[in-house]
Amino acid sequence: MSLHSLRSLAGRVVPALLVAQAVLVPLQPASAAGLMAHPCRSSAHCGSVVVAPVSQAAPDHGPCASPEPVVCLIRRESPQKREVARDQRMRYHHLLEDMERKECAMRAEGRSEEDIARTLVQMRNDAKDVVRAGMTREQVAELEARNQKKYGNPLGPTADQLYMKYGAWEKVTEAATRSSAAVDHELGLEFRHCSCEVLQAA
């Protein structure tokens, strides 16, 4: 594949994968959870946090040691496109905050784990304007075709499909509000989960 073709492919795939993979990343073991282990449950400094500038390095088309394919695609982009990718990622983080706020409200109402999980998955799938921010019509069509083929749903996996994968509604909820730490780190971000007290006071 030529360098031009590789760049064209990365330009189409990165925006789609930055957010579409969020509910698909595997659950992390406790010893390796890192930022995924809710480090901000007692702090107001949570949500989408900028921790580093976007890399200004030239696009790197050499071998990539990261096990995360999206990270490798980001590294092949220009600094300007990385900035756009970070803005998209932050919009997705804001969606996760809204979902966590909804989860807190539902728990306060005494709703079941299944109700909570189904609601959060539906929120994510319904938020097409956020999940697909910055994507062209062609990129949206490509993503929808991929989801349709894989899940039978252009918006992504359903709650029932995620339940079949994880085996518990609590884990479906965790998956729905999880952000890939590797992708966030590559864009100079962290997503820090908030306590219900912090979310409801915001």
C-alpha atoms as a PDB file:
ATOM      1  CA  MET A   1       0.000   0.000   0.000  1.00  0.00           C
ATOM      2  CA  SER A   2       1.346   3.431  -0.922  1.00  0.00           C
ATOM      3  CA  LEU A   3       2.021   6.127   1.668  1.00  0.00           C
ATOM      4  CA  HIS A   4      -0.821   8.203   0.214  1.00  0.00           C
ATOM      5  CA  SER A   5      -3.244   5.296   0.534  1.00  0.00           C
ATOM      6  CA  LEU A   6      -2.151   4.647   4.120  1.00  0.00           C
ATOM      7  CA  ARG A   7      -2.734   8.265   5.067  1.00  0.00           C
ATOM      8  CA  SER A   8      -6.129   8.230   3.382  1.00  0.00           C
ATOM      9  CA  LEU A   9      -7.088   5.081   5.269  1.00  0.00           C
ATOM     10  CA  ALA A  10      -5.977   6.535   8.609  1.00  0.00           C
ATOM     11  CA  GLY A  11      -7.950   9.705   7.912  1.00  0.00           C
ATOM     12  CA  ARG A  12     -11.106   7.653   7.435  1.00  0.00           C
ATOM     13  CA  VAL A  13     -10.617   5.185  10.260  1.00  0.00           C
ATOM     14  CA  VAL A  14      -9.285   7.266  13.170  1.00  0.00           C
ATOM     15  CA  PRO A  15     -12.396   9.411  13.790  1.00  0.00           C
ATOM     16  CA  ALA A  16     -14.642   6.374  13.695  1.00  0.00           C
ATOM     17  CA  LEU A  17     -12.510   4.291  16.026  1.00  0.00           C
ATOM     18  CA  LEU A  18     -11.738   7.001  18.572  1.00  0.00           C
ATOM     19  CA  VAL A  19     -15.164   6.677  20.071  1.00  0.00           C
ATOM     20  CA  ALA A  20     -16.732   3.577  18.582  1.00  0.00           C
ATOM     21  CA  GLN A  21     -14.350   1.280  20.426  1.00  0.00           C
ATOM     22  CA  ALA A  22     -15.230   2.567  23.878  1.00  0.00           C
ATOM     23  CA  VAL A  23     -17.800  -0.068  24.822  1.00  0.00           C
ATOM     24  CA  LEU A  24     -15.731  -2.796  23.217  1.00  0.00           C
ATOM     25  CA  VAL A  25     -12.464  -2.511  25.163  1.00  0.00           C
ATOM     26  CA  PRO A  26     -12.079  -5.543  27.415  1.00  0.00           C
ATOM     27  CA  LEU A  27     -12.512  -5.232  31.147  1.00  0.00           C
ATOM     28  CA  GLN A  28      -9.155  -4.592  32.779  1.00  0.00           C
ATOM     29  CA  PRO A  29      -7.873  -6.787  35.622  1.00  0.00           C
ATOM     30  CA  ALA A  30      -7.624  -4.922  38.926  1.00  0.00           C
ATOM     31  CA  SER A  31      -3.815  -4.948  38.861  1.00  0.00           C
ATOM     32  CA  ALA A  32      -3.719  -3.301  35.441  1.00  0.00           C
ATOM     33  CA  ALA A  33      -6.736  -1.028  35.566  1.00  0.00           C
ATOM     34  CA  GLY A  34      -4.695   2.154  36.068  1.00  0.00           C
ATOM     35  CA  LEU A  35      -6.800   5.138  35.166  1.00  0.00           C
ATOM     36  CA  MET A  36      -9.791   2.896  34.585  1.00  0.00           C
ATOM     37  CA  ALA A  37     -10.062   2.195  38.326  1.00  0.00           C
ATOM     38  CA  HIS A  38     -12.081   5.317  39.144  1.00  0.00           C
ATOM     39  CA  PRO A  39      -9.191   7.425  40.565  1.00  0.00           C
ATOM     40  CA  CYS A  40     -11.376  10.484  41.092  1.00  0.00           C
ATOM     41  CA  ARG A  41     -14.328   9.253  43.089  1.00  0.00           C
ATOM     42  CA  SER A  42     -13.702  11.740  45.923  1.00  0.00           C
ATOM     43  CA  SER A  43     -12.425  14.680  43.898  1.00  0.00           C
ATOM     44  CA  ALA A  44     -14.109  17.494  41.997  1.00  0.00           C
ATOM     45  CA  HIS A  45     -11.244  17.369  39.478  1.00  0.00           C
ATOM     46  CA  CYS A  46     -12.777  14.764  37.234  1.00  0.00           C
ATOM     47  CA  GLY A  47     -14.262  14.219  33.821  1.00  0.00           C
ATOM     48  CA  SER A  48     -12.189  15.017  30.744  1.00  0.00           C
ATOM     49  CA  VAL A  49      -8.837  16.343  31.907  1.00  0.00           C
ATOM     50  CA  VAL A  50      -6.042  17.661  29.692  1.00  0.00           C
ATOM     51  CA  VAL A  51      -2.782  16.332  31.133  1.00  0.00           C
ATOM     52  CA  ALA A  52      -0.355  16.940  28.262  1.00  0.00           C
ATOM     53  CA  PRO A  53      -0.107  18.842  24.970  1.00  0.00           C
ATOM     54  CA  VAL A  54      -0.911  17.055  21.750  1.00  0.00           C
ATOM     55  CA  SER A  55       2.235  15.613  20.209  1.00  0.00           C
ATOM     56  CA  GLN A  56       3.732  17.893  17.570  1.00  0.00           C
ATOM     57  CA  ALA A  57       5.867  15.119  16.126  1.00  0.00           C
ATOM     58  CA  ALA A  58       5.719  14.523  12.408  1.00  0.00           C
ATOM     59  CA  PRO A  59       3.459  11.673  11.283  1.00  0.00           C
ATOM     60  CA  ASP A  60       5.170   8.391  12.115  1.00  0.00           C
ATOM     61  CA  HIS A  61       4.685   5.716   9.494  1.00  0.00           C
ATOM     62  CA  GLY A  62       7.259   3.341  10.935  1.00  0.00           C
ATOM     63  CA  PRO A  63       6.630   0.287  13.109  1.00  0.00           C
ATOM     64  CA  CYS A  64       4.258   0.930  16.020  1.00  0.00           C
ATOM     65  CA  ALA A  65       4.835  -0.875  19.305  1.00  0.00           C
ATOM     66  CA  SER A  66       1.444  -0.030  20.817  1.00  0.00           C
ATOM     67  CA  PRO A  67      -0.983  -2.960  21.083  1.00  0.00           C
ATOM     68  CA  GLU A  68      -3.838  -0.485  20.535  1.00  0.00           C
ATOM     69  CA  PRO A  69      -4.473  -0.027  16.772  1.00  0.00           C
ATOM     70  CA  VAL A  70      -6.110   3.387  17.262  1.00  0.00           C
ATOM     71  CA  VAL A  71      -2.958   4.683  18.966  1.00  0.00           C
ATOM     72  CA  CYS A  72      -0.913   3.646  15.943  1.00  0.00           C
ATOM     73  CA  LEU A  73      -3.335   5.450  13.631  1.00  0.00           C
ATOM     74  CA  ILE A  74      -3.148   8.639  15.720  1.00  0.00           C
ATOM     75  CA  ARG A  75       0.642   8.580  15.509  1.00  0.00           C
ATOM     76  CA  ARG A  76       0.402   8.474  11.720  1.00  0.00           C
ATOM     77  CA  GLU A  77      -1.674  11.682  11.672  1.00  0.00           C
ATOM     78  CA  SER A  78      -0.434  15.285  11.457  1.00  0.00           C
ATOM     79  CA  PRO A  79      -0.378  17.403  14.644  1.00  0.00           C
ATOM     80  CA  GLN A  80      -3.356  19.363  13.298  1.00  0.00           C
ATOM     81  CA  LYS A  81      -5.427  16.217  12.848  1.00  0.00           C
ATOM     82  CA  ARG A  82      -4.402  15.047  16.326  1.00  0.00           C
ATOM     83  CA  GLU A  83      -5.838  18.298  17.721  1.00  0.00           C
ATOM     84  CA  VAL A  84      -9.122  17.588  15.949  1.00  0.00           C
ATOM     85  CA  ALA A  85      -9.072  14.038  17.294  1.00  0.00           C
ATOM     86  CA  ARG A  86      -8.539  15.374  20.828  1.00  0.00           C
ATOM     87  CA  ASP A  87     -11.523  17.731  20.515  1.00  0.00           C
ATOM     88  CA  GLN A  88     -13.659  14.793  19.373  1.00  0.00           C
ATOM     89  CA  ARG A  89     -12.409  12.668  22.241  1.00  0.00           C
ATOM     90  CA  MET A  90     -13.259  15.392  24.774  1.00  0.00           C
ATOM     91  CA  ARG A  91     -16.801  15.601  23.409  1.00  0.00           C
ATOM     92  CA  TYR A  92     -17.066  11.877  23.960  1.00  0.00           C
ATOM     93  CA  HIS A  93     -15.799  12.280  27.539  1.00  0.00           C
ATOM     94  CA  HIS A  94     -18.552  14.839  28.166  1.00  0.00           C
ATOM     95  CA  LEU A  95     -21.077  12.264  26.961  1.00  0.00           C
ATOM     96  CA  LEU A  96     -19.632   9.775  29.467  1.00  0.00           C
ATOM     97  CA  GLU A  97     -20.140  12.348  32.235  1.00  0.00           C
ATOM     98  CA  ASP A  98     -23.787  12.744  31.239  1.00  0.00           C
ATOM     99  CA  MET A  99     -24.169   8.985  31.276  1.00  0.00           C
ATOM    100  CA  GLU A 100     -22.630   8.706  34.739  1.00  0.00           C
ATOM    101  CA  ARG A 101     -24.929  11.480  35.965  1.00  0.00           C
ATOM    102  CA  LYS A 102     -27.895   9.521  34.629  1.00  0.00           C
ATOM    103  CA  GLU A 103     -26.615   6.364  36.322  1.00  0.00           C
ATOM    104  CA  CYS A 104     -26.453   8.197  39.664  1.00  0.00           C
ATOM    105  CA  ALA A 105     -30.001   9.489  39.281  1.00  0.00           C
ATOM    106  CA  MET A 106     -31.310   6.045  38.395  1.00  0.00           C
ATOM    107  CA  ARG A 107     -29.562   4.435  41.359  1.00  0.00           C
ATOM    108  CA  ALA A 108     -31.095   7.061  43.646  1.00  0.00           C
ATOM    109  CA  GLU A 109     -34.495   6.056  42.260  1.00  0.00           C
ATOM    110  CA  GLY A 110     -33.784   2.408  43.068  1.00  0.00           C
ATOM    111  CA  ARG A 111     -33.777   1.285  39.433  1.00  0.00           C
ATOM    112  CA  SER A 112     -32.471  -2.179  38.577  1.00  0.00           C
ATOM    113  CA  GLU A 113     -29.001  -2.903  37.180  1.00  0.00           C
ATOM    114  CA  GLU A 114     -30.602  -4.040  33.938  1.00  0.00           C
ATOM    115  CA  ASP A 115     -32.589  -0.798  33.591  1.00  0.00           C
ATOM    116  CA  ILE A 116     -29.456   1.263  34.216  1.00  0.00           C
ATOM    117  CA  ALA A 117     -27.335  -0.705  31.749  1.00  0.00           C
ATOM    118  CA  ARG A 118     -29.963  -0.586  29.005  1.00  0.00           C
ATOM    119  CA  THR A 119     -30.450   3.154  29.459  1.00  0.00           C
ATOM    120  CA  LEU A 120     -26.735   3.947  29.284  1.00  0.00           C
ATOM    121  CA  VAL A 121     -26.124   1.811  26.220  1.00  0.00           C
ATOM    122  CA  GLN A 122     -29.100   3.484  24.533  1.00  0.00           C
ATOM    123  CA  MET A 123     -27.773   6.941  25.470  1.00  0.00           C
ATOM    124  CA  ARG A 124     -24.455   6.168  23.854  1.00  0.00           C
ATOM    125  CA  ASN A 125     -25.981   4.716  20.704  1.00  0.00           C
ATOM    126  CA  ASP A 126     -28.431   7.613  20.402  1.00  0.00           C
ATOM    127  CA  ALA A 127     -25.707  10.275  20.695  1.00  0.00           C
ATOM    128  CA  LYS A 128     -24.758  10.138  17.017  1.00  0.00           C
ATOM    129  CA  ASP A 129     -23.864  13.838  16.952  1.00  0.00           C
ATOM    130  CA  VAL A 130     -21.259  13.315  19.670  1.00  0.00           C
ATOM    131  CA  VAL A 131     -19.955   9.886  18.748  1.00  0.00           C
ATOM    132  CA  ARG A 132     -19.549  10.864  15.109  1.00  0.00           C
ATOM    133  CA  ALA A 133     -18.409  14.455  15.577  1.00  0.00           C
ATOM    134  CA  GLY A 134     -16.050  15.625  12.851  1.00  0.00           C
ATOM    135  CA  MET A 135     -16.765  12.653  10.591  1.00  0.00           C
ATOM    136  CA  THR A 136     -17.702  13.035   6.942  1.00  0.00           C
ATOM    137  CA  ARG A 137     -20.814  11.475   5.447  1.00  0.00           C
ATOM    138  CA  GLU A 138     -18.611   8.778   3.923  1.00  0.00           C
ATOM    139  CA  GLN A 139     -16.998   8.011   7.289  1.00  0.00           C
ATOM    140  CA  VAL A 140     -20.398   7.781   8.981  1.00  0.00           C
ATOM    141  CA  ALA A 141     -21.619   5.424   6.249  1.00  0.00           C
ATOM    142  CA  GLU A 142     -18.484   3.291   6.688  1.00  0.00           C
ATOM    143  CA  LEU A 143     -18.958   3.095  10.446  1.00  0.00           C
ATOM    144  CA  GLU A 144     -22.645   2.260  10.131  1.00  0.00           C
ATOM    145  CA  ALA A 145     -21.884  -0.464   7.588  1.00  0.00           C
ATOM    146  CA  ARG A 146     -19.255  -1.943   9.927  1.00  0.00           C
ATOM    147  CA  ASN A 147     -21.679  -1.895  12.875  1.00  0.00           C
ATOM    148  CA  GLN A 148     -24.481  -3.349  10.780  1.00  0.00           C
ATOM    149  CA  LYS A 149     -22.269  -6.224   9.679  1.00  0.00           C
ATOM    150  CA  LYS A 150     -20.887  -6.914  13.146  1.00  0.00           C
ATOM    151  CA  TYR A 151     -23.927  -6.227  15.348  1.00  0.00           C
ATOM    152  CA  GLY A 152     -26.913  -6.060  12.997  1.00  0.00           C
ATOM    153  CA  ASN A 153     -27.378  -2.470  14.173  1.00  0.00           C
ATOM    154  CA  PRO A 154     -25.884   0.626  12.484  1.00  0.00           C
ATOM    155  CA  LEU A 155     -25.612   2.411  15.843  1.00  0.00           C
ATOM    156  CA  GLY A 156     -23.438  -0.227  17.507  1.00  0.00           C
ATOM    157  CA  PRO A 157     -23.870  -3.142  19.939  1.00  0.00           C
ATOM    158  CA  THR A 158     -27.148  -3.451  21.781  1.00  0.00           C
ATOM    159  CA  ALA A 159     -27.453  -3.912  25.529  1.00  0.00           C
ATOM    160  CA  ASP A 160     -28.362  -7.574  25.003  1.00  0.00           C
ATOM    161  CA  GLN A 161     -25.259  -8.159  22.875  1.00  0.00           C
ATOM    162  CA  LEU A 162     -23.068  -6.585  25.543  1.00  0.00           C
ATOM    163  CA  TYR A 163     -24.768  -8.686  28.214  1.00  0.00           C
ATOM    164  CA  MET A 164     -23.933 -11.805  26.221  1.00  0.00           C
ATOM    165  CA  LYS A 165     -20.311 -10.641  26.096  1.00  0.00           C
ATOM    166  CA  TYR A 166     -19.859  -9.624  29.742  1.00  0.00           C
ATOM    167  CA  GLY A 167     -22.398 -11.822  31.546  1.00  0.00           C
ATOM    168  CA  ALA A 168     -23.648  -9.239  34.052  1.00  0.00           C
ATOM    169  CA  TRP A 169     -25.587  -5.986  33.776  1.00  0.00           C
ATOM    170  CA  GLU A 170     -23.170  -4.239  36.146  1.00  0.00           C
ATOM    171  CA  LYS A 171     -20.338  -5.019  33.717  1.00  0.00           C
ATOM    172  CA  VAL A 172     -22.391  -3.710  30.795  1.00  0.00           C
ATOM    173  CA  THR A 173     -22.761  -0.415  32.677  1.00  0.00           C
ATOM    174  CA  GLU A 174     -19.019  -0.309  33.340  1.00  0.00           C
ATOM    175  CA  ALA A 175     -18.282  -0.996  29.703  1.00  0.00           C
ATOM    176  CA  ALA A 176     -20.710   1.662  28.484  1.00  0.00           C
ATOM    177  CA  THR A 177     -18.985   4.385  30.527  1.00  0.00           C
ATOM    178  CA  ARG A 178     -15.397   3.278  29.995  1.00  0.00           C
ATOM    179  CA  SER A 179     -12.823   5.169  27.945  1.00  0.00           C
ATOM    180  CA  SER A 180      -9.670   3.623  26.484  1.00  0.00           C
ATOM    181  CA  ALA A 181      -6.803   4.884  28.660  1.00  0.00           C
ATOM    182  CA  ALA A 182      -4.282   4.173  25.890  1.00  0.00           C
ATOM    183  CA  VAL A 183      -6.128   6.326  23.342  1.00  0.00           C
ATOM    184  CA  ASP A 184      -6.748   9.086  25.885  1.00  0.00           C
ATOM    185  CA  HIS A 185      -3.056   9.120  26.843  1.00  0.00           C
ATOM    186  CA  GLU A 186      -2.007   9.411  23.213  1.00  0.00           C
ATOM    187  CA  LEU A 187      -4.130  12.568  22.931  1.00  0.00           C
ATOM    188  CA  GLY A 188      -2.904  14.063  26.215  1.00  0.00           C
ATOM    189  CA  LEU A 189      -6.138  13.318  28.071  1.00  0.00           C
ATOM    190  CA  GLU A 190      -7.430  11.400  31.037  1.00  0.00           C
ATOM    191  CA  PHE A 191     -11.022  10.503  31.759  1.00  0.00           C
ATOM    192  CA  ARG A 192     -11.552  10.554  35.514  1.00  0.00           C
ATOM    193  CA  HIS A 193     -14.758   9.146  36.898  1.00  0.00           C
ATOM    194  CA  CYS A 194     -16.717  11.347  39.295  1.00  0.00           C
ATOM    195  CA  SER A 195     -18.625  10.485  42.430  1.00  0.00           C
ATOM    196  CA  CYS A 196     -22.378  10.904  42.359  1.00  0.00           C
ATOM    197  CA  GLU A 197     -22.029  13.763  44.841  1.00  0.00           C
ATOM    198  CA  VAL A 198     -19.730  15.653  42.494  1.00  0.00           C
ATOM    199  CA  LEU A 199     -21.847  14.951  39.425  1.00  0.00           C
ATOM    200  CA  GLN A 200     -25.089  16.000  41.053  1.00  0.00           C
ATOM    201  CA  ALA A 201     -23.539  19.198  42.424  1.00  0.00           C
ATOM    202  CA  ALA A 202     -22.245  20.251  38.995  1.00  0.00           C
END
